[in-house]
């Protein structure tokens, strides 16, 4: 009898300790792996969100930039981390939805190695030309590119802009030459200098240049026009509805197997951060639109884009190894 009571008492203590441990999460520093170098939109987003998590949790959030291979190196590091909620990975549309189809061995399986936590921000791609290209619409551009095969060039800074360009080529029949650059800044500089004809990018990188007249934006791959560039038509208005909802997104993921309770704690805190006025202001200053979600909603975005971009990559024949 006494032995049985001791077993029950010990079991009760273990359960109480486990409950206390769960309730106290997090009780130490959190690492936030960003698979791109400092200074860009991904790094800016991570530092804004990391700062709020630090404020809410009372624990340091350490930004760990691990750039390389279009985001695959850092993403693989995040996939191999312990599934305890203490390592977050910046989930990027290029890394999770496109790279697995470009690389034979990216180092991770998007659909098996990660658990979605929350969406972060979403931005439609926009088609931007150097002013020397004498067209004013996407239809005119496609016609010109078919009449003058491979005369036009398009710059990319990562897998997302590259495959957005390939999707435009496949959709319109335009014949263009892809020119890769090592980052958004050199790609934009090349376009401004007339080294390339166009690029497919996200608005925050080019709004000021379009407003100044140094670049010309002719199509936004979204359902609605952009407030910052109200004169730029949507894909539907441009005559290519198949190019609607072609987005780049960032979010937060953790290794598969992370306890559900910790995922929900992280989700609630990240959503709270994204809905806070100061974070919305700081993200707006970076040109980023908040897109908080449930884990299930973000997992669906990842899965659907993984399938969609896989088809585009296959049709285009694009490979990186």
Protein backbone atom coordinates (compact mmCIF):
# COMPACT_ATOMS: atom_id res chain seq x y z
CA UNK A 1 0.00 0.00 0.00
CA UNK A 2 2.76 2.39 1.01
CA UNK A 3 4.71 1.48 -2.15
CA UNK A 4 1.64 2.16 -4.29
CA UNK A 5 1.13 5.54 -2.62
CA UNK A 6 4.79 6.40 -3.24
CA UNK A 7 4.42 5.55 -6.95
CA UNK A 8 1.35 7.77 -7.20
CA UNK A 9 3.12 10.60 -5.33
CA UNK A 10 6.21 10.40 -7.59
CA UNK A 11 4.04 10.31 -10.71
CA UNK A 12 2.11 13.32 -9.46
CA UNK A 13 5.31 15.25 -8.83
CA UNK A 14 6.58 14.46 -12.34
CA UNK A 15 3.30 15.63 -13.87
CA UNK A 16 3.41 18.83 -11.82
CA UNK A 17 7.01 19.49 -12.88
CA UNK A 18 6.11 18.85 -16.53
CA UNK A 19 3.16 21.23 -16.29
CA UNK A 20 5.33 23.89 -14.67
CA UNK A 21 7.98 23.46 -17.40
CA UNK A 22 5.31 23.83 -20.08
CA UNK A 23 3.81 26.89 -18.40
CA UNK A 24 7.21 28.57 -18.08
CA UNK A 25 8.08 28.31 -21.78
CA UNK A 26 10.26 30.03 -22.79
CA UNK A 27 12.65 30.15 -19.85
CA UNK A 28 15.81 30.85 -21.85
CA UNK A 29 17.02 32.52 -25.05
CA UNK A 30 15.37 31.78 -28.39
CA UNK A 31 17.39 31.52 -31.60
CA UNK A 32 15.80 32.93 -34.76
CA UNK A 33 17.57 31.54 -37.86
CA UNK A 34 17.38 33.92 -40.83
CA UNK A 35 18.64 32.22 -44.03
CA UNK A 36 19.72 35.50 -45.63
CA UNK A 37 22.35 38.16 -44.84
CA UNK A 38 21.73 41.20 -42.63
CA UNK A 39 20.24 44.32 -44.15
CA UNK A 40 17.44 42.97 -46.33
CA UNK A 41 13.71 42.60 -45.85
CA UNK A 42 13.98 39.16 -44.23
CA UNK A 43 16.49 40.41 -41.68
CA UNK A 44 14.43 43.53 -40.98
CA UNK A 45 11.29 41.46 -40.41
CA UNK A 46 13.10 39.05 -38.08
CA UNK A 47 14.56 41.86 -35.98
CA UNK A 48 11.21 43.62 -35.63
CA UNK A 49 9.43 40.41 -34.58
CA UNK A 50 12.36 39.26 -32.46
CA UNK A 51 12.31 42.52 -30.54
CA UNK A 52 8.63 42.10 -29.68
CA UNK A 53 9.09 38.47 -28.65
CA UNK A 54 11.88 39.62 -26.35
CA UNK A 55 9.53 42.21 -24.89
CA UNK A 56 6.62 39.79 -24.42
CA UNK A 57 8.56 36.73 -23.24
CA UNK A 58 11.23 38.52 -21.24
CA UNK A 59 13.86 36.33 -22.91
CA UNK A 60 16.53 37.25 -25.49
CA UNK A 61 15.80 36.47 -29.14
CA UNK A 62 19.09 35.99 -30.97
CA UNK A 63 19.03 36.65 -34.72
CA UNK A 64 21.27 34.09 -36.43
CA UNK A 65 21.90 35.06 -40.08
CA UNK A 66 22.95 31.97 -42.08
CA UNK A 67 23.03 33.02 -45.71
CA UNK A 68 23.87 30.94 -48.78
CA UNK A 69 22.41 28.82 -51.58
CA UNK A 70 19.34 31.06 -52.06
CA UNK A 71 18.36 30.55 -48.42
CA UNK A 72 18.81 26.77 -48.38
CA UNK A 73 21.77 26.70 -45.99
CA UNK A 74 20.04 28.53 -43.15
CA UNK A 75 16.77 26.73 -43.75
CA UNK A 76 18.53 23.36 -43.46
CA UNK A 77 20.08 24.49 -40.16
CA UNK A 78 16.62 25.33 -38.86
CA UNK A 79 15.26 21.95 -39.96
CA UNK A 80 17.97 20.09 -38.00
CA UNK A 81 17.45 22.03 -34.75
CA UNK A 82 15.98 20.40 -31.65
CA UNK A 83 12.15 20.39 -31.81
CA UNK A 84 11.70 22.20 -28.51
CA UNK A 85 10.43 25.62 -29.60
CA UNK A 86 13.73 27.37 -28.87
CA UNK A 87 14.84 27.57 -32.52
CA UNK A 88 12.67 29.50 -34.96
CA UNK A 89 13.34 29.64 -38.69
CA UNK A 90 12.33 32.50 -40.92
CA UNK A 91 10.11 30.68 -43.40
CA UNK A 92 10.65 32.23 -46.83
CA UNK A 93 8.66 31.46 -49.97
CA UNK A 94 11.80 31.00 -52.04
CA UNK A 95 13.50 28.70 -49.54
CA UNK A 96 10.48 26.54 -48.73
CA UNK A 97 8.36 26.57 -51.89
CA UNK A 98 10.87 27.00 -54.76
CA UNK A 99 14.36 25.84 -53.73
CA UNK A 100 13.32 22.19 -53.14
CA UNK A 101 12.50 22.02 -56.87
CA UNK A 102 15.65 23.83 -58.01
CA UNK A 103 18.17 21.85 -55.92
CA UNK A 104 18.35 18.06 -55.97
CA UNK A 105 19.49 18.06 -52.35
CA UNK A 106 18.49 21.32 -50.61
CA UNK A 107 19.17 19.76 -47.20
CA UNK A 108 15.58 19.60 -45.97
CA UNK A 109 12.10 18.42 -46.88
CA UNK A 110 9.75 21.38 -46.65
CA UNK A 111 6.60 19.35 -46.01
CA UNK A 112 8.16 16.87 -43.54
CA UNK A 113 10.86 18.77 -41.64
CA UNK A 114 8.94 21.88 -40.54
CA UNK A 115 5.85 22.81 -38.58
CA UNK A 116 4.26 26.15 -39.50
CA UNK A 117 3.82 28.69 -36.71
CA UNK A 118 2.42 31.83 -38.35
CA UNK A 119 2.48 33.85 -41.51
CA UNK A 120 4.41 37.09 -41.19
CA UNK A 121 4.22 39.33 -44.24
CA UNK A 122 3.15 38.90 -47.87
CA UNK A 123 4.10 41.02 -50.89
CA UNK A 124 3.00 40.67 -54.53
CA UNK A 125 5.63 40.65 -57.25
CA UNK A 126 5.67 43.64 -59.59
CA UNK A 127 7.05 43.85 -63.12
CA UNK A 128 9.38 46.83 -63.54
CA UNK A 129 11.19 48.06 -66.66
CA UNK A 130 14.07 50.36 -67.43
CA UNK A 131 12.58 53.48 -69.13
CA UNK A 132 14.58 52.79 -72.29
CA UNK A 133 12.25 49.86 -73.05
CA UNK A 134 9.60 51.51 -75.21
CA UNK A 135 6.53 49.64 -73.96
CA UNK A 136 3.90 50.71 -71.46
CA UNK A 137 1.94 47.51 -70.73
CA UNK A 138 2.52 43.81 -70.08
CA UNK A 139 0.80 42.92 -73.36
CA UNK A 140 3.11 45.22 -75.32
CA UNK A 141 6.10 43.76 -73.49
CA UNK A 142 5.10 40.19 -74.33
CA UNK A 143 4.57 41.09 -77.99
CA UNK A 144 7.92 42.88 -78.21
CA UNK A 145 9.73 39.98 -76.51
CA UNK A 146 8.24 37.51 -79.00
CA UNK A 147 9.11 39.70 -81.99
CA UNK A 148 12.67 40.23 -80.70
CA UNK A 149 13.57 36.89 -79.08
CA UNK A 150 16.19 37.01 -76.32
CA UNK A 151 16.85 40.73 -76.81
CA UNK A 152 15.30 41.58 -73.44
CA UNK A 153 16.94 40.54 -70.17
CA UNK A 154 15.49 40.21 -66.68
CA UNK A 155 17.42 40.42 -63.42
CA UNK A 156 16.83 38.27 -60.36
CA UNK A 157 18.21 38.41 -56.83
CA UNK A 158 16.99 35.00 -55.58
CA UNK A 159 14.86 32.06 -56.60
CA UNK A 160 11.53 33.90 -56.13
CA UNK A 161 12.10 36.70 -58.65
CA UNK A 162 13.77 34.26 -61.04
CA UNK A 163 10.83 31.85 -61.11
CA UNK A 164 8.32 34.72 -61.21
CA UNK A 165 10.08 35.74 -64.43
CA UNK A 166 9.93 32.19 -65.72
CA UNK A 167 6.19 32.07 -64.97
CA UNK A 168 5.70 35.31 -66.93
CA UNK A 169 7.65 33.80 -69.81
CA UNK A 170 5.60 30.59 -69.77
CA UNK A 171 2.30 32.48 -69.46
CA UNK A 172 2.90 35.06 -72.18
CA UNK A 173 5.29 33.29 -74.56
CA UNK A 174 7.83 36.09 -74.11
CA UNK A 175 11.41 35.11 -74.95
CA UNK A 176 13.79 36.74 -72.45
CA UNK A 177 17.22 36.04 -70.99
CA UNK A 178 17.65 35.56 -67.25
CA UNK A 179 20.55 37.41 -65.57
CA UNK A 180 21.13 36.45 -61.90
CA UNK A 181 22.61 38.82 -59.30
CA UNK A 182 23.86 38.18 -55.78
CA UNK A 183 21.20 40.15 -53.93
CA UNK A 184 18.47 42.71 -54.36
CA UNK A 185 20.75 45.75 -54.21
CA UNK A 186 23.00 44.77 -57.16
CA UNK A 187 19.98 43.62 -59.20
CA UNK A 188 18.25 46.96 -58.67
CA UNK A 189 21.46 48.85 -59.43
CA UNK A 190 21.84 46.90 -62.69
CA UNK A 191 18.29 47.79 -63.72
CA UNK A 192 18.74 51.45 -62.83
CA UNK A 193 21.95 51.51 -64.88
CA UNK A 194 20.30 49.90 -67.90
CA UNK A 195 22.41 46.73 -67.73
CA UNK A 196 19.19 44.68 -67.83
CA UNK A 197 15.76 45.41 -69.29
CA UNK A 198 13.48 44.49 -66.41
CA UNK A 199 13.03 42.69 -63.13
CA UNK A 200 10.33 40.94 -61.14
CA UNK A 201 10.59 42.16 -57.59
CA UNK A 202 8.59 43.16 -54.51
CA UNK A 203 7.34 46.75 -54.24
CA UNK A 204 9.36 47.96 -51.28
CA UNK A 205 12.60 47.67 -53.27
CA UNK A 206 11.49 49.91 -56.14
CA UNK A 207 8.61 52.22 -55.10
CA UNK A 208 10.83 55.27 -54.74
CA UNK A 209 12.50 54.65 -58.11
CA UNK A 210 9.14 54.28 -59.87
CA UNK A 211 7.83 57.47 -58.28
CA UNK A 212 10.96 59.34 -59.36
CA UNK A 213 10.58 58.12 -62.95
CA UNK A 214 13.85 56.19 -62.98
CA UNK A 215 11.92 52.94 -63.46
CA UNK A 216 8.55 52.06 -65.00
CA UNK A 217 6.19 49.58 -63.31
CA UNK A 218 3.66 47.98 -65.67
CA UNK A 219 1.96 45.11 -63.81
CA UNK A 220 1.27 44.07 -60.23
CA UNK A 221 0.69 40.34 -59.67
CA UNK A 222 -2.13 40.87 -57.17
CA UNK A 223 -5.94 41.15 -56.96
CA UNK A 224 -5.93 44.80 -55.96
CA UNK A 225 -3.81 47.79 -56.89
CA UNK A 226 -1.07 48.95 -54.57
CA UNK A 227 -1.79 52.06 -52.51
CA UNK A 228 1.78 53.27 -52.94
CA UNK A 229 1.59 52.87 -56.76
CA UNK A 230 -2.11 53.33 -57.61
CA UNK A 231 -1.52 53.73 -61.37
CA UNK A 232 0.03 50.28 -61.81
CA UNK A 233 -2.59 47.78 -63.12
CA UNK A 234 -3.15 44.37 -61.59
CA UNK A 235 -2.46 41.17 -63.51
CA UNK A 236 -6.15 40.85 -64.39
CA UNK A 237 -6.24 44.43 -65.67
CA UNK A 238 -3.03 43.77 -67.61
CA UNK A 239 -4.70 40.84 -69.35
CA UNK A 240 -3.01 37.96 -67.49
CA UNK A 241 -5.30 36.66 -64.71
CA UNK A 242 -3.09 33.56 -64.35
CA UNK A 243 -0.45 35.84 -62.82
CA UNK A 244 -2.68 36.91 -59.92
CA UNK A 245 -1.48 36.16 -56.38
CA UNK A 246 2.18 35.67 -57.27
CA UNK A 247 3.65 36.60 -53.90
CA UNK A 248 6.78 36.54 -51.83
CA UNK A 249 6.06 35.81 -48.18
CA UNK A 250 7.90 35.49 -44.89
CA UNK A 251 6.70 33.69 -41.79
CA UNK A 252 7.90 31.61 -38.87
CA UNK A 253 8.39 27.83 -38.68
CA UNK A 254 9.87 25.38 -36.18
CA UNK A 255 11.24 21.86 -36.60
CA UNK A 256 8.66 19.11 -37.06
CA UNK A 257 7.88 17.40 -33.77
CA UNK A 258 7.83 20.61 -31.74
CA UNK A 259 5.11 20.26 -29.05
CA UNK A 260 1.76 21.66 -30.11
CA UNK A 261 1.45 23.70 -26.94
CA UNK A 262 4.69 25.54 -27.69
CA UNK A 263 3.68 26.15 -31.30
CA UNK A 264 0.43 27.71 -30.08
CA UNK A 265 2.28 29.87 -27.53
CA UNK A 266 4.61 31.11 -30.24
CA UNK A 267 1.71 31.66 -32.65
CA UNK A 268 -0.31 33.71 -30.18
CA UNK A 269 2.72 35.86 -29.36
CA UNK A 270 3.74 36.42 -32.99
CA UNK A 271 0.17 37.28 -34.01
CA UNK A 272 -0.01 39.70 -31.08
CA UNK A 273 3.24 41.29 -32.26
CA UNK A 274 2.06 41.59 -35.88
CA UNK A 275 -1.19 43.24 -34.75
CA UNK A 276 0.54 45.78 -32.51
CA UNK A 277 0.53 49.36 -33.89
CA UNK A 278 4.27 49.90 -33.43
CA UNK A 279 5.16 46.73 -35.35
CA UNK A 280 2.71 47.58 -38.12
CA UNK A 281 4.30 51.03 -38.40
CA UNK A 282 7.85 49.63 -38.49
CA UNK A 283 6.92 47.00 -41.09
CA UNK A 284 5.14 49.62 -43.20
CA UNK A 285 8.33 51.71 -43.12
CA UNK A 286 10.11 48.66 -44.61
CA UNK A 287 7.35 48.29 -47.22
CA UNK A 288 6.06 45.06 -45.66
CA UNK A 289 2.38 44.13 -45.22
CA UNK A 290 1.57 42.09 -42.06
CA UNK A 291 -0.11 38.73 -42.73
CA UNK A 292 -0.61 36.93 -39.39
CA UNK A 293 -2.32 33.54 -39.47
CA UNK A 294 -3.03 30.33 -37.61
CA UNK A 295 -0.49 27.51 -37.98
CA UNK A 296 -2.96 25.64 -40.19
CA UNK A 297 -3.49 28.61 -42.50
CA UNK A 298 0.25 29.17 -42.92
CA UNK A 299 0.85 25.45 -43.48
CA UNK A 300 -1.70 25.58 -46.30
CA UNK A 301 0.07 28.55 -47.92
CA UNK A 302 3.39 26.67 -47.78
CA UNK A 303 1.90 23.47 -49.20
CA UNK A 304 -0.03 25.17 -52.00
CA UNK A 305 2.92 27.31 -53.11
CA UNK A 306 5.25 24.30 -52.89
CA UNK A 307 3.00 22.50 -55.39
CA UNK A 308 2.43 25.53 -57.63
CA UNK A 309 6.09 26.55 -57.92
CA UNK A 310 7.13 22.93 -58.42
CA UNK A 311 5.07 22.85 -61.62
CA UNK A 312 6.56 26.15 -62.82
CA UNK A 313 10.14 25.04 -62.14
CA UNK A 314 9.54 21.76 -63.99
CA UNK A 315 7.96 23.49 -66.98
CA UNK A 316 10.73 26.08 -67.17
CA UNK A 317 13.56 23.55 -66.91
CA UNK A 318 15.33 25.73 -64.32
CA UNK A 319 17.95 23.96 -62.15
CA UNK A 320 20.71 25.02 -59.80
CA UNK A 321 22.61 21.73 -59.50
